């Protein structure tokens, strides 16, 4: 009984750690956060004020334009530089255990 309670408690902590909505953490979340740092540096140049949000949001998958039977995972990461906010999407091939980056986009979040 103690083992069952310990397992239940451990599983509950894992679900809570996965996010406020209970969504599981994508296996490429850490890779996307690291790529976000590199993308902002490439886009804006080296800047000590670059900050990357800890949250990596999993969006709806998109179809591979070269093969309609395949889909890509889309991960969203936000970054800040001084007063600018940037939304970045990282597109990964759906390969279990591997993080193969297929594309990326960056958009400044601003009202003009």
PDB file of N, CA and C in Angstrom:
ATOM      1  N   UNK A   1       0.825  -1.198   0.000  1.00  0.00           N
ATOM      2  CA  UNK A   1       0.000   0.000   0.000  1.00  0.00           C
ATOM      3  C   UNK A   1       0.865   1.256   0.000  1.00  0.00           C
ATOM      4  N   UNK A   2       1.981   1.243   0.770  1.00  0.00           N
ATOM      5  CA  UNK A   2       2.864   2.406   0.812  1.00  0.00           C
ATOM      6  C   UNK A   2       3.468   2.675  -0.559  1.00  0.00           C
ATOM      7  N   UNK A   3       3.815   1.593  -1.282  1.00  0.00           N
ATOM      8  CA  UNK A   3       4.393   1.764  -2.617  1.00  0.00           C
ATOM      9  C   UNK A   3       3.373   2.373  -3.567  1.00  0.00           C
ATOM     10  N   UNK A   4       2.129   1.948  -3.452  1.00  0.00           N
ATOM     11  CA  UNK A   4       1.074   2.479  -4.306  1.00  0.00           C
ATOM     12  C   UNK A   4       0.862   3.967  -4.032  1.00  0.00           C
ATOM     13  N   UNK A   5       0.834   4.361  -2.773  1.00  0.00           N
ATOM     14  CA  UNK A   5       0.674   5.763  -2.414  1.00  0.00           C
ATOM     15  C   UNK A   5       1.862   6.590  -2.894  1.00  0.00           C
ATOM     16  N   UNK A   6       3.053   6.053  -2.739  1.00  0.00           N
ATOM     17  CA  UNK A   6       4.255   6.758  -3.188  1.00  0.00           C
ATOM     18  C   UNK A   6       4.230   6.948  -4.697  1.00  0.00           C
ATOM     19  N   UNK A   7       3.806   5.927  -5.432  1.00  0.00           N
ATOM     20  CA  UNK A   7       3.715   6.012  -6.893  1.00  0.00           C
ATOM     21  C   UNK A   7       2.659   7.035  -7.307  1.00  0.00           C
ATOM     22  N   UNK A   8       1.520   7.009  -6.629  1.00  0.00           N
ATOM     23  CA  UNK A   8       0.446   7.949  -6.932  1.00  0.00           C
ATOM     24  C   UNK A   8       0.906   9.379  -6.687  1.00  0.00           C
ATOM     25  N   UNK A   9       1.577   9.612  -5.570  1.00  0.00           N
ATOM     26  CA  UNK A   9       2.087  10.941  -5.245  1.00  0.00           C
ATOM     27  C   UNK A   9       3.126  11.384  -6.269  1.00  0.00           C
ATOM     28  N   UNK A  10       4.028  10.497  -6.633  1.00  0.00           N
ATOM     29  CA  UNK A  10       5.072  10.795  -7.620  1.00  0.00           C
ATOM     30  C   UNK A  10       4.452  11.123  -8.977  1.00  0.00           C
ATOM     31  N   UNK A  11       3.456  10.357  -9.393  1.00  0.00           N
ATOM     32  CA  UNK A  11       2.783  10.613 -10.668  1.00  0.00           C
ATOM     33  C   UNK A  11       2.066  11.952 -10.637  1.00  0.00           C
ATOM     34  N   UNK A  12       1.449  12.285  -9.528  1.00  0.00           N
ATOM     35  CA  UNK A  12       0.753  13.563  -9.404  1.00  0.00           C
ATOM     36  C   UNK A  12       1.734  14.722  -9.508  1.00  0.00           C
ATOM     37  N   UNK A  13       2.905  14.590  -8.902  1.00  0.00           N
ATOM     38  CA  UNK A  13       3.929  15.628  -9.013  1.00  0.00           C
ATOM     39  C   UNK A  13       4.402  15.775 -10.454  1.00  0.00           C
ATOM     40  N   UNK A  14       4.558  14.669 -11.150  1.00  0.00           N
ATOM     41  CA  UNK A  14       5.009  14.714 -12.543  1.00  0.00           C
ATOM     42  C   UNK A  14       4.003  15.440 -13.418  1.00  0.00           C
ATOM     43  N   UNK A  15       2.725  15.184 -13.215  1.00  0.00           N
ATOM     44  CA  UNK A  15       1.690  15.849 -13.998  1.00  0.00           C
ATOM     45  C   UNK A  15       1.691  17.336 -13.681  1.00  0.00           C
ATOM     46  N   UNK A  16       1.853  17.699 -12.393  1.00  0.00           N
ATOM     47  CA  UNK A  16       1.878  19.112 -12.014  1.00  0.00           C
ATOM     48  C   UNK A  16       3.089  19.813 -12.620  1.00  0.00           C
ATOM     49  N   UNK A  17       4.229  19.154 -12.630  1.00  0.00           N
ATOM     50  CA  UNK A  17       5.443  19.740 -13.183  1.00  0.00           C
ATOM     51  C   UNK A  17       5.349  19.909 -14.691  1.00  0.00           C
ATOM     52  N   UNK A  18       4.492  19.146 -15.340  1.00  0.00           N
ATOM     53  CA  UNK A  18       4.372  19.215 -16.796  1.00  0.00           C
ATOM     54  C   UNK A  18       3.740  20.518 -17.253  1.00  0.00           C
ATOM     55  N   UNK A  19       3.032  21.198 -16.396  1.00  0.00           N
ATOM     56  CA  UNK A  19       2.456  22.477 -16.790  1.00  0.00           C
ATOM     57  C   UNK A  19       1.143  22.726 -16.089  1.00  0.00           C
ATOM     58  N   UNK A  20       0.742  23.978 -16.110  1.00  0.00           N
ATOM     59  CA  UNK A  20      -0.484  24.359 -15.422  1.00  0.00           C
ATOM     60  C   UNK A  20      -1.703  23.706 -16.047  1.00  0.00           C
ATOM     61  N   UNK A  21      -1.681  23.499 -17.358  1.00  0.00           N
ATOM     62  CA  UNK A  21      -2.809  22.871 -18.020  1.00  0.00           C
ATOM     63  C   UNK A  21      -2.708  21.350 -17.981  1.00  0.00           C
ATOM     64  N   UNK A  22      -1.652  20.812 -17.431  1.00  0.00           N
ATOM     65  CA  UNK A  22      -1.483  19.369 -17.365  1.00  0.00           C
ATOM     66  C   UNK A  22      -0.963  18.783 -18.664  1.00  0.00           C
ATOM     67  N   UNK A  23      -0.547  19.625 -19.596  1.00  0.00           N
ATOM     68  CA  UNK A  23      -0.026  19.129 -20.867  1.00  0.00           C
ATOM     69  C   UNK A  23       1.355  18.519 -20.650  1.00  0.00           C
ATOM     70  N   UNK A  24       1.625  17.392 -21.296  1.00  0.00           N
ATOM     71  CA  UNK A  24       2.941  16.779 -21.130  1.00  0.00           C
ATOM     72  C   UNK A  24       4.025  17.644 -21.766  1.00  0.00           C
ATOM     73  N   UNK A  25       5.219  17.568 -21.232  1.00  0.00           N
ATOM     74  CA  UNK A  25       6.355  18.305 -21.766  1.00  0.00           C
ATOM     75  C   UNK A  25       6.840  17.593 -23.022  1.00  0.00           C
ATOM     76  N   UNK A  26       7.041  18.341 -24.088  1.00  0.00           N
ATOM     77  CA  UNK A  26       7.524  17.769 -25.350  1.00  0.00           C
ATOM     78  C   UNK A  26       8.999  17.386 -25.187  1.00  0.00           C
ATOM     79  N   UNK A  27       9.407  16.283 -25.792  1.00  0.00           N
ATOM     80  CA  UNK A  27      10.788  15.824 -25.624  1.00  0.00           C
ATOM     81  C   UNK A  27      11.806  16.767 -26.272  1.00  0.00           C
ATOM     82  N   UNK A  28      11.359  17.722 -27.088  1.00  0.00           N
ATOM     83  CA  UNK A  28      12.261  18.702 -27.708  1.00  0.00           C
ATOM     84  C   UNK A  28      12.155  20.082 -27.058  1.00  0.00           C
ATOM     85  N   UNK A  29      11.498  20.193 -25.917  1.00  0.00           N
ATOM     86  CA  UNK A  29      11.297  21.495 -25.273  1.00  0.00           C
ATOM     87  C   UNK A  29      12.628  22.164 -24.927  1.00  0.00           C
ATOM     88  N   UNK A  30      13.567  21.428 -24.374  1.00  0.00           N
ATOM     89  CA  UNK A  30      14.872  22.006 -24.023  1.00  0.00           C
ATOM     90  C   UNK A  30      15.630  22.436 -25.276  1.00  0.00           C
ATOM     91  N   UNK A  31      15.536  21.651 -26.334  1.00  0.00           N
ATOM     92  CA  UNK A  31      16.193  22.005 -27.594  1.00  0.00           C
ATOM     93  C   UNK A  31      15.592  23.289 -28.159  1.00  0.00           C
ATOM     94  N   UNK A  32      14.277  23.450 -28.076  1.00  0.00           N
ATOM     95  CA  UNK A  32      13.608  24.652 -28.578  1.00  0.00           C
ATOM     96  C   UNK A  32      14.030  25.885 -27.779  1.00  0.00           C
ATOM     97  N   UNK A  33      14.127  25.756 -26.463  1.00  0.00           N
ATOM     98  CA  UNK A  33      14.552  26.884 -25.633  1.00  0.00           C
ATOM     99  C   UNK A  33      15.988  27.294 -25.973  1.00  0.00           C
ATOM    100  N   UNK A  34      16.862  26.335 -26.184  1.00  0.00           N
ATOM    101  CA  UNK A  34      18.239  26.642 -26.580  1.00  0.00           C
ATOM    102  C   UNK A  34      18.301  27.279 -27.953  1.00  0.00           C
ATOM    103  N   UNK A  35      17.482  26.793 -28.872  1.00  0.00           N
ATOM    104  CA  UNK A  35      17.443  27.348 -30.221  1.00  0.00           C
ATOM    105  C   UNK A  35      16.881  28.769 -30.200  1.00  0.00           C
ATOM    106  N   UNK A  36      15.969  29.055 -29.276  1.00  0.00           N
ATOM    107  CA  UNK A  36      15.398  30.395 -29.156  1.00  0.00           C
ATOM    108  C   UNK A  36      16.487  31.412 -28.832  1.00  0.00           C
ATOM    109  N   UNK A  37      17.381  31.054 -27.947  1.00  0.00           N
ATOM    110  CA  UNK A  37      18.504  31.934 -27.597  1.00  0.00           C
ATOM    111  C   UNK A  37      19.361  32.218 -28.836  1.00  0.00           C
ATOM    112  N   UNK A  38      19.664  31.185 -29.597  1.00  0.00           N
ATOM    113  CA  UNK A  38      20.486  31.345 -30.797  1.00  0.00           C
ATOM    114  C   UNK A  38      19.757  32.150 -31.876  1.00  0.00           C
ATOM    115  N   UNK A  39      18.447  31.919 -32.039  1.00  0.00           N
ATOM    116  CA  UNK A  39      17.688  32.627 -33.057  1.00  0.00           C
ATOM    117  C   UNK A  39      17.601  34.117 -32.749  1.00  0.00           C
ATOM    118  N   UNK A  40      17.341  34.476 -31.505  1.00  0.00           N
ATOM    119  CA  UNK A  40      17.286  35.892 -31.141  1.00  0.00           C
ATOM    120  C   UNK A  40      18.650  36.557 -31.319  1.00  0.00           C
ATOM    121  N   UNK A  41      19.708  35.860 -30.950  1.00  0.00           N
ATOM    122  CA  UNK A  41      21.058  36.406 -31.131  1.00  0.00           C
ATOM    123  C   UNK A  41      21.371  36.606 -32.609  1.00  0.00           C
ATOM    124  N   UNK A  42      20.956  35.662 -33.447  1.00  0.00           N
ATOM    125  CA  UNK A  42      21.176  35.785 -34.881  1.00  0.00           C
ATOM    126  C   UNK A  42      20.356  36.938 -35.459  1.00  0.00           C
ATOM    127  N   UNK A  43      19.121  37.058 -35.005  1.00  0.00           N
ATOM    128  CA  UNK A  43      18.191  38.048 -35.528  1.00  0.00           C
ATOM    129  C   UNK A  43      18.571  39.470 -35.108  1.00  0.00           C
ATOM    130  N   UNK A  44      18.987  39.643 -33.859  1.00  0.00           N
ATOM    131  CA  UNK A  44      19.240  40.976 -33.311  1.00  0.00           C
ATOM    132  C   UNK A  44      20.706  41.276 -33.060  1.00  0.00           C
ATOM    133  N   UNK A  45      21.557  40.288 -33.198  1.00  0.00           N
ATOM    134  CA  UNK A  45      22.961  40.455 -32.839  1.00  0.00           C
ATOM    135  C   UNK A  45      23.157  40.117 -31.367  1.00  0.00           C
ATOM    136  N   UNK A  46      24.393  39.940 -30.968  1.00  0.00           N
ATOM    137  CA  UNK A  46      24.643  39.585 -29.560  1.00  0.00           C
ATOM    138  C   UNK A  46      24.201  40.717 -28.628  1.00  0.00           C
ATOM    139  N   UNK A  47      23.461  40.357 -27.607  1.00  0.00           N
ATOM    140  CA  UNK A  47      22.941  41.338 -26.664  1.00  0.00           C
ATOM    141  C   UNK A  47      22.797  40.658 -25.307  1.00  0.00           C
ATOM    142  N   UNK A  48      23.374  41.263 -24.302  1.00  0.00           N
ATOM    143  CA  UNK A  48      23.333  40.692 -22.950  1.00  0.00           C
ATOM    144  C   UNK A  48      21.927  40.731 -22.346  1.00  0.00           C
ATOM    145  N   UNK A  49      21.025  41.504 -22.937  1.00  0.00           N
ATOM    146  CA  UNK A  49      19.674  41.655 -22.377  1.00  0.00           C
ATOM    147  C   UNK A  49      18.696  40.611 -22.888  1.00  0.00           C
ATOM    148  N   UNK A  50      19.136  39.682 -23.733  1.00  0.00           N
ATOM    149  CA  UNK A  50      18.243  38.644 -24.254  1.00  0.00           C
ATOM    150  C   UNK A  50      17.802  37.739 -23.110  1.00  0.00           C
ATOM    151  N   UNK A  51      16.491  37.563 -23.003  1.00  0.00           N
ATOM    152  CA  UNK A  51      15.905  36.655 -22.007  1.00  0.00           C
ATOM    153  C   UNK A  51      14.938  35.727 -22.719  1.00  0.00           C
ATOM    154  N   UNK A  52      15.005  34.449 -22.389  1.00  0.00           N
ATOM    155  CA  UNK A  52      14.125  33.447 -22.976  1.00  0.00           C
ATOM    156  C   UNK A  52      13.189  32.931 -21.888  1.00  0.00           C
ATOM    157  N   UNK A  53      11.896  32.901 -22.178  1.00  0.00           N
ATOM    158  CA  UNK A  53      10.906  32.396 -21.215  1.00  0.00           C
ATOM    159  C   UNK A  53      11.136  30.903 -20.966  1.00  0.00           C
ATOM    160  N   UNK A  54      10.829  30.453 -19.777  1.00  0.00           N
ATOM    161  CA  UNK A  54      10.988  29.050 -19.416  1.00  0.00           C
ATOM    162  C   UNK A  54       9.928  28.159 -20.048  1.00  0.00           C
ATOM    163  N   UNK A  55       8.740  28.712 -20.275  1.00  0.00           N
ATOM    164  CA  UNK A  55       7.625  27.923 -20.800  1.00  0.00           C
ATOM    165  C   UNK A  55       7.800  27.645 -22.290  1.00  0.00           C
ATOM    166  N   UNK A  56       7.636  26.399 -22.664  1.00  0.00           N
ATOM    167  CA  UNK A  56       7.620  25.989 -24.072  1.00  0.00           C
ATOM    168  C   UNK A  56       6.238  25.413 -24.335  1.00  0.00           C
ATOM    169  N   UNK A  57       5.499  26.075 -25.204  1.00  0.00           N
ATOM    170  CA  UNK A  57       4.117  25.675 -25.481  1.00  0.00           C
ATOM    171  C   UNK A  57       4.070  24.792 -26.728  1.00  0.00           C
ATOM    172  N   UNK A  58       3.351  23.685 -26.621  1.00  0.00           N
ATOM    173  CA  UNK A  58       3.162  22.791 -27.761  1.00  0.00           C
ATOM    174  C   UNK A  58       1.915  23.233 -28.511  1.00  0.00           C
ATOM    175  N   UNK A  59       2.079  23.582 -29.782  1.00  0.00           N
ATOM    176  CA  UNK A  59       0.959  23.997 -30.622  1.00  0.00           C
ATOM    177  C   UNK A  59       0.493  22.820 -31.477  1.00  0.00           C
ATOM    178  N   UNK A  60      -0.552  23.047 -32.240  1.00  0.00           N
ATOM    179  CA  UNK A  60      -1.074  22.000 -33.125  1.00  0.00           C
ATOM    180  C   UNK A  60      -0.026  21.657 -34.181  1.00  0.00           C
ATOM    181  N   UNK A  61       0.115  20.385 -34.512  1.00  0.00           N
ATOM    182  CA  UNK A  61       1.087  20.010 -35.543  1.00  0.00           C
ATOM    183  C   UNK A  61       0.665  20.530 -36.914  1.00  0.00           C
ATOM    184  N   UNK A  62       1.650  20.653 -37.808  1.00  0.00           N
ATOM    185  CA  UNK A  62       1.375  21.068 -39.185  1.00  0.00           C
ATOM    186  C   UNK A  62       1.814  19.952 -40.133  1.00  0.00           C
ATOM    187  N   UNK A  63       1.241  19.940 -41.321  1.00  0.00           N
ATOM    188  CA  UNK A  63       1.590  18.920 -42.318  1.00  0.00           C
ATOM    189  C   UNK A  63       2.919  19.243 -42.984  1.00  0.00           C
ATOM    190  N   UNK A  64       3.649  18.206 -43.301  1.00  0.00           N
ATOM    191  CA  UNK A  64       4.885  18.327 -44.068  1.00  0.00           C
ATOM    192  C   UNK A  64       4.485  18.651 -45.513  1.00  0.00           C
ATOM    193  N   UNK A  65       4.913  19.789 -46.059  1.00  0.00           N
ATOM    194  CA  UNK A  65       4.504  20.128 -47.424  1.00  0.00           C
ATOM    195  C   UNK A  65       5.057  19.166 -48.480  1.00  0.00           C
ATOM    196  N   UNK A  66       6.116  18.443 -48.160  1.00  0.00           N
ATOM    197  CA  UNK A  66       6.698  17.487 -49.107  1.00  0.00           C
ATOM    198  C   UNK A  66       6.033  16.119 -49.050  1.00  0.00           C
ATOM    199  N   UNK A  67       5.318  15.836 -47.955  1.00  0.00           N
ATOM    200  CA  UNK A  67       4.659  14.538 -47.790  1.00  0.00           C
ATOM    201  C   UNK A  67       3.444  14.741 -46.893  1.00  0.00           C
ATOM    202  N   UNK A  68       2.278  14.819 -47.467  1.00  0.00           N
ATOM    203  CA  UNK A  68       1.056  15.136 -46.722  1.00  0.00           C
ATOM    204  C   UNK A  68       0.702  14.099 -45.657  1.00  0.00           C
ATOM    205  N   UNK A  69       1.326  12.926 -45.711  1.00  0.00           N
ATOM    206  CA  UNK A  69       1.060  11.891 -44.707  1.00  0.00           C
ATOM    207  C   UNK A  69       1.851  12.135 -43.418  1.00  0.00           C
ATOM    208  N   UNK A  70       2.836  13.032 -43.477  1.00  0.00           N
ATOM    209  CA  UNK A  70       3.681  13.314 -42.316  1.00  0.00           C
ATOM    210  C   UNK A  70       3.291  14.644 -41.682  1.00  0.00           C
ATOM    211  N   UNK A  71       3.565  14.746 -40.385  1.00  0.00           N
ATOM    212  CA  UNK A  71       3.309  15.988 -39.664  1.00  0.00           C
ATOM    213  C   UNK A  71       4.557  16.418 -38.911  1.00  0.00           C
ATOM    214  N   UNK A  72       4.621  17.715 -38.652  1.00  0.00           N
ATOM    215  CA  UNK A  72       5.698  18.293 -37.854  1.00  0.00           C
ATOM    216  C   UNK A  72       5.108  18.833 -36.555  1.00  0.00           C
ATOM    217  N   UNK A  73       5.858  18.738 -35.471  1.00  0.00           N
ATOM    218  CA  UNK A  73       5.472  19.341 -34.199  1.00  0.00           C
ATOM    219  C   UNK A  73       5.892  20.801 -34.192  1.00  0.00           C
ATOM    220  N   UNK A  74       5.074  21.654 -33.584  1.00  0.00           N
ATOM    221  CA  UNK A  74       5.372  23.084 -33.495  1.00  0.00           C
ATOM    222  C   UNK A  74       5.462  23.464 -32.021  1.00  0.00           C
ATOM    223  N   UNK A  75       6.599  24.033 -31.625  1.00  0.00           N
ATOM    224  CA  UNK A  75       6.821  24.472 -30.250  1.00  0.00           C
ATOM    225  C   UNK A  75       6.980  25.985 -30.241  1.00  0.00           C
ATOM    226  N   UNK A  76       6.296  26.645 -29.310  1.00  0.00           N
ATOM    227  CA  UNK A  76       6.337  28.102 -29.215  1.00  0.00           C
ATOM    228  C   UNK A  76       7.132  28.526 -27.986  1.00  0.00           C
ATOM    229  N   UNK A  77       8.039  29.471 -28.204  1.00  0.00           N
ATOM    230  CA  UNK A  77       8.870  30.019 -27.130  1.00  0.00           C
ATOM    231  C   UNK A  77       8.849  31.538 -27.270  1.00  0.00           C
ATOM    232  N   UNK A  78       8.775  32.237 -26.152  1.00  0.00           N
ATOM    233  CA  UNK A  78       8.808  33.699 -26.151  1.00  0.00           C
ATOM    234  C   UNK A  78      10.150  34.184 -25.641  1.00  0.00           C
ATOM    235  N   UNK A  79      10.605  35.301 -26.189  1.00  0.00           N
ATOM    236  CA  UNK A  79      11.845  35.913 -25.743  1.00  0.00           C
ATOM    237  C   UNK A  79      11.679  37.418 -25.642  1.00  0.00           C
ATOM    238  N   UNK A  80      12.540  38.033 -24.860  1.00  0.00           N
ATOM    239  CA  UNK A  80      12.526  39.479 -24.658  1.00  0.00           C
ATOM    240  C   UNK A  80      13.935  40.027 -24.825  1.00  0.00           C
ATOM    241  N   UNK A  81      14.000  41.218 -25.398  1.00  0.00           N
ATOM    242  CA  UNK A  81      15.243  41.981 -25.458  1.00  0.00           C
ATOM    243  C   UNK A  81      14.871  43.423 -25.164  1.00  0.00           C
ATOM    244  N   UNK A  82      15.350  43.929 -24.035  1.00  0.00           N
ATOM    245  CA  UNK A  82      15.042  45.276 -23.578  1.00  0.00           C
ATOM    246  C   UNK A  82      13.529  45.441 -23.555  1.00  0.00           C
ATOM    247  N   UNK A  83      12.936  46.246 -24.433  1.00  0.00           N
ATOM    248  CA  UNK A  83      11.483  46.445 -24.433  1.00  0.00           C
ATOM    249  C   UNK A  83      10.774  45.630 -25.505  1.00  0.00           C
ATOM    250  N   UNK A  84      11.518  44.874 -26.295  1.00  0.00           N
ATOM    251  CA  UNK A  84      10.920  44.098 -27.371  1.00  0.00           C
ATOM    252  C   UNK A  84      10.560  42.685 -26.948  1.00  0.00           C
ATOM    253  N   UNK A  85       9.407  42.214 -27.404  1.00  0.00           N
ATOM    254  CA  UNK A  85       8.959  40.838 -27.172  1.00  0.00           C
ATOM    255  C   UNK A  85       8.941  40.116 -28.505  1.00  0.00           C
ATOM    256  N   UNK A  86       9.387  38.847 -28.493  1.00  0.00           N
ATOM    257  CA  UNK A  86       9.461  38.068 -29.719  1.00  0.00           C
ATOM    258  C   UNK A  86       8.837  36.698 -29.507  1.00  0.00           C
ATOM    259  N   UNK A  87       7.952  36.319 -30.440  1.00  0.00           N
ATOM    260  CA  UNK A  87       7.356  34.984 -30.426  1.00  0.00           C
ATOM    261  C   UNK A  87       8.091  34.155 -31.468  1.00  0.00           C
ATOM    262  N   UNK A  88       8.536  32.981 -31.044  1.00  0.00           N
ATOM    263  CA  UNK A  88       9.280  32.108 -31.943  1.00  0.00           C
ATOM    264  C   UNK A  88       8.603  30.749 -32.023  1.00  0.00           C
ATOM    265  N   UNK A  89       8.509  30.221 -33.227  1.00  0.00           N
ATOM    266  CA  UNK A  89       7.981  28.877 -33.451  1.00  0.00           C
ATOM    267  C   UNK A  89       9.110  28.010 -34.005  1.00  0.00           C
ATOM    268  N   UNK A  90       9.244  26.841 -33.427  1.00  0.00           N
ATOM    269  CA  UNK A  90      10.251  25.873 -33.867  1.00  0.00           C
ATOM    270  C   UNK A  90       9.524  24.628 -34.350  1.00  0.00           C
ATOM    271  N   UNK A  91       9.839  24.215 -35.543  1.00  0.00           N
ATOM    272  CA  UNK A  91       9.136  23.124 -36.212  1.00  0.00           C
ATOM    273  C   UNK A  91      10.060  21.911 -36.243  1.00  0.00           C
ATOM    274  N   UNK A  92       9.617  20.842 -35.590  1.00  0.00           N
ATOM    275  CA  UNK A  92      10.424  19.623 -35.457  1.00  0.00           C
ATOM    276  C   UNK A  92       9.756  18.449 -36.153  1.00  0.00           C
ATOM    277  N   UNK A  93      10.566  17.603 -36.772  1.00  0.00           N
ATOM    278  CA  UNK A  93      10.073  16.353 -37.339  1.00  0.00           C
ATOM    279  C   UNK A  93       9.564  15.478 -36.198  1.00  0.00           C
ATOM    280  N   UNK A  94       8.508  14.739 -36.433  1.00  0.00           N
ATOM    281  CA  UNK A  94       7.969  13.839 -35.410  1.00  0.00           C
ATOM    282  C   UNK A  94       8.770  12.542 -35.421  1.00  0.00           C
ATOM    283  N   UNK A  95       9.859  12.559 -34.676  1.00  0.00           N
ATOM    284  CA  UNK A  95      10.738  11.394 -34.564  1.00  0.00           C
ATOM    285  C   UNK A  95      10.954  11.125 -33.078  1.00  0.00           C
ATOM    286  N   UNK A  96      10.515   9.977 -32.634  1.00  0.00           N
ATOM    287  CA  UNK A  96      10.611   9.624 -31.219  1.00  0.00           C
ATOM    288  C   UNK A  96      12.070   9.642 -30.760  1.00  0.00           C
ATOM    289  N   UNK A  97      12.365  10.443 -29.751  1.00  0.00           N
ATOM    290  CA  UNK A  97      13.692  10.475 -29.165  1.00  0.00           C
ATOM    291  C   UNK A  97      14.672  11.416 -29.855  1.00  0.00           C
ATOM    292  N   UNK A  98      14.395  11.841 -31.090  1.00  0.00           N
ATOM    293  CA  UNK A  98      15.279  12.752 -31.810  1.00  0.00           C
ATOM    294  C   UNK A  98      14.606  14.104 -31.969  1.00  0.00           C
ATOM    295  N   UNK A  99      15.409  15.163 -31.979  1.00  0.00           N
ATOM    296  CA  UNK A  99      14.911  16.512 -32.194  1.00  0.00           C
ATOM    297  C   UNK A  99      15.537  17.050 -33.474  1.00  0.00           C
ATOM    298  N   UNK A 100      14.845  16.839 -34.583  1.00  0.00           N
ATOM    299  CA  UNK A 100      15.320  17.277 -35.889  1.00  0.00           C
ATOM    300  C   UNK A 100      14.567  18.553 -36.251  1.00  0.00           C
ATOM    301  N   UNK A 101      15.280  19.690 -36.183  1.00  0.00           N
ATOM    302  CA  UNK A 101      14.677  20.989 -36.473  1.00  0.00           C
ATOM    303  C   UNK A 101      14.481  21.132 -37.973  1.00  0.00           C
ATOM    304  N   UNK A 102      13.233  21.342 -38.387  1.00  0.00           N
ATOM    305  CA  UNK A 102      12.891  21.456 -39.806  1.00  0.00           C
ATOM    306  C   UNK A 102      12.667  22.910 -40.224  1.00  0.00           C
ATOM    307  N   UNK A 103      12.359  23.780 -39.278  1.00  0.00           N
ATOM    308  CA  UNK A 103      12.123  25.179 -39.603  1.00  0.00           C
ATOM    309  C   UNK A 103      11.922  25.995 -38.341  1.00  0.00           C
ATOM    310  N   UNK A 104      12.000  27.310 -38.516  1.00  0.00           N
ATOM    311  CA  UNK A 104      11.799  28.209 -37.385  1.00  0.00           C
ATOM    312  C   UNK A 104      11.308  29.552 -37.903  1.00  0.00           C
ATOM    313  N   UNK A 105      10.563  30.242 -37.060  1.00  0.00           N
ATOM    314  CA  UNK A 105      10.094  31.573 -37.422  1.00  0.00           C
ATOM    315  C   UNK A 105      10.143  32.469 -36.198  1.00  0.00           C
ATOM    316  N   UNK A 106      10.315  33.747 -36.447  1.00  0.00           N
ATOM    317  CA  UNK A 106      10.363  34.722 -35.364  1.00  0.00           C
ATOM    318  C   UNK A 106       9.502  35.911 -35.758  1.00  0.00           C
ATOM    319  N   UNK A 107       8.751  36.436 -34.801  1.00  0.00           N
ATOM    320  CA  UNK A 107       7.864  37.551 -35.068  1.00  0.00           C
ATOM    321  C   UNK A 107       7.916  38.490 -33.867  1.00  0.00           C
ATOM    322  N   UNK A 108       8.189  39.766 -34.126  1.00  0.00           N
ATOM    323  CA  UNK A 108       8.172  40.729 -33.038  1.00  0.00           C
ATOM    324  C   UNK A 108       6.726  41.001 -32.655  1.00  0.00           C
ATOM    325  N   UNK A 109       6.449  40.955 -31.366  1.00  0.00           N
ATOM    326  CA  UNK A 109       5.090  41.173 -30.848  1.00  0.00           C
ATOM    327  C   UNK A 109       4.945  42.673 -30.601  1.00  0.00           C
ATOM    328  N   UNK A 110       4.334  43.379 -31.554  1.00  0.00           N
ATOM    329  CA  UNK A 110       4.231  44.828 -31.443  1.00  0.00           C
ATOM    330  C   UNK A 110       2.953  45.313 -32.119  1.00  0.00           C
ATOM    331  N   UNK A 111       2.409  46.372 -31.607  1.00  0.00           N
ATOM    332  CA  UNK A 111       1.261  47.038 -32.209  1.00  0.00           C
ATOM    333  C   UNK A 111       1.794  48.269 -32.931  1.00  0.00           C
ATOM    334  N   UNK A 112       1.550  48.350 -34.231  1.00  0.00           N
ATOM    335  CA  UNK A 112       2.085  49.480 -35.022  1.00  0.00           C
ATOM    336  C   UNK A 112       1.034  50.546 -35.245  1.00  0.00           C
TER     337      UNK A 112
END
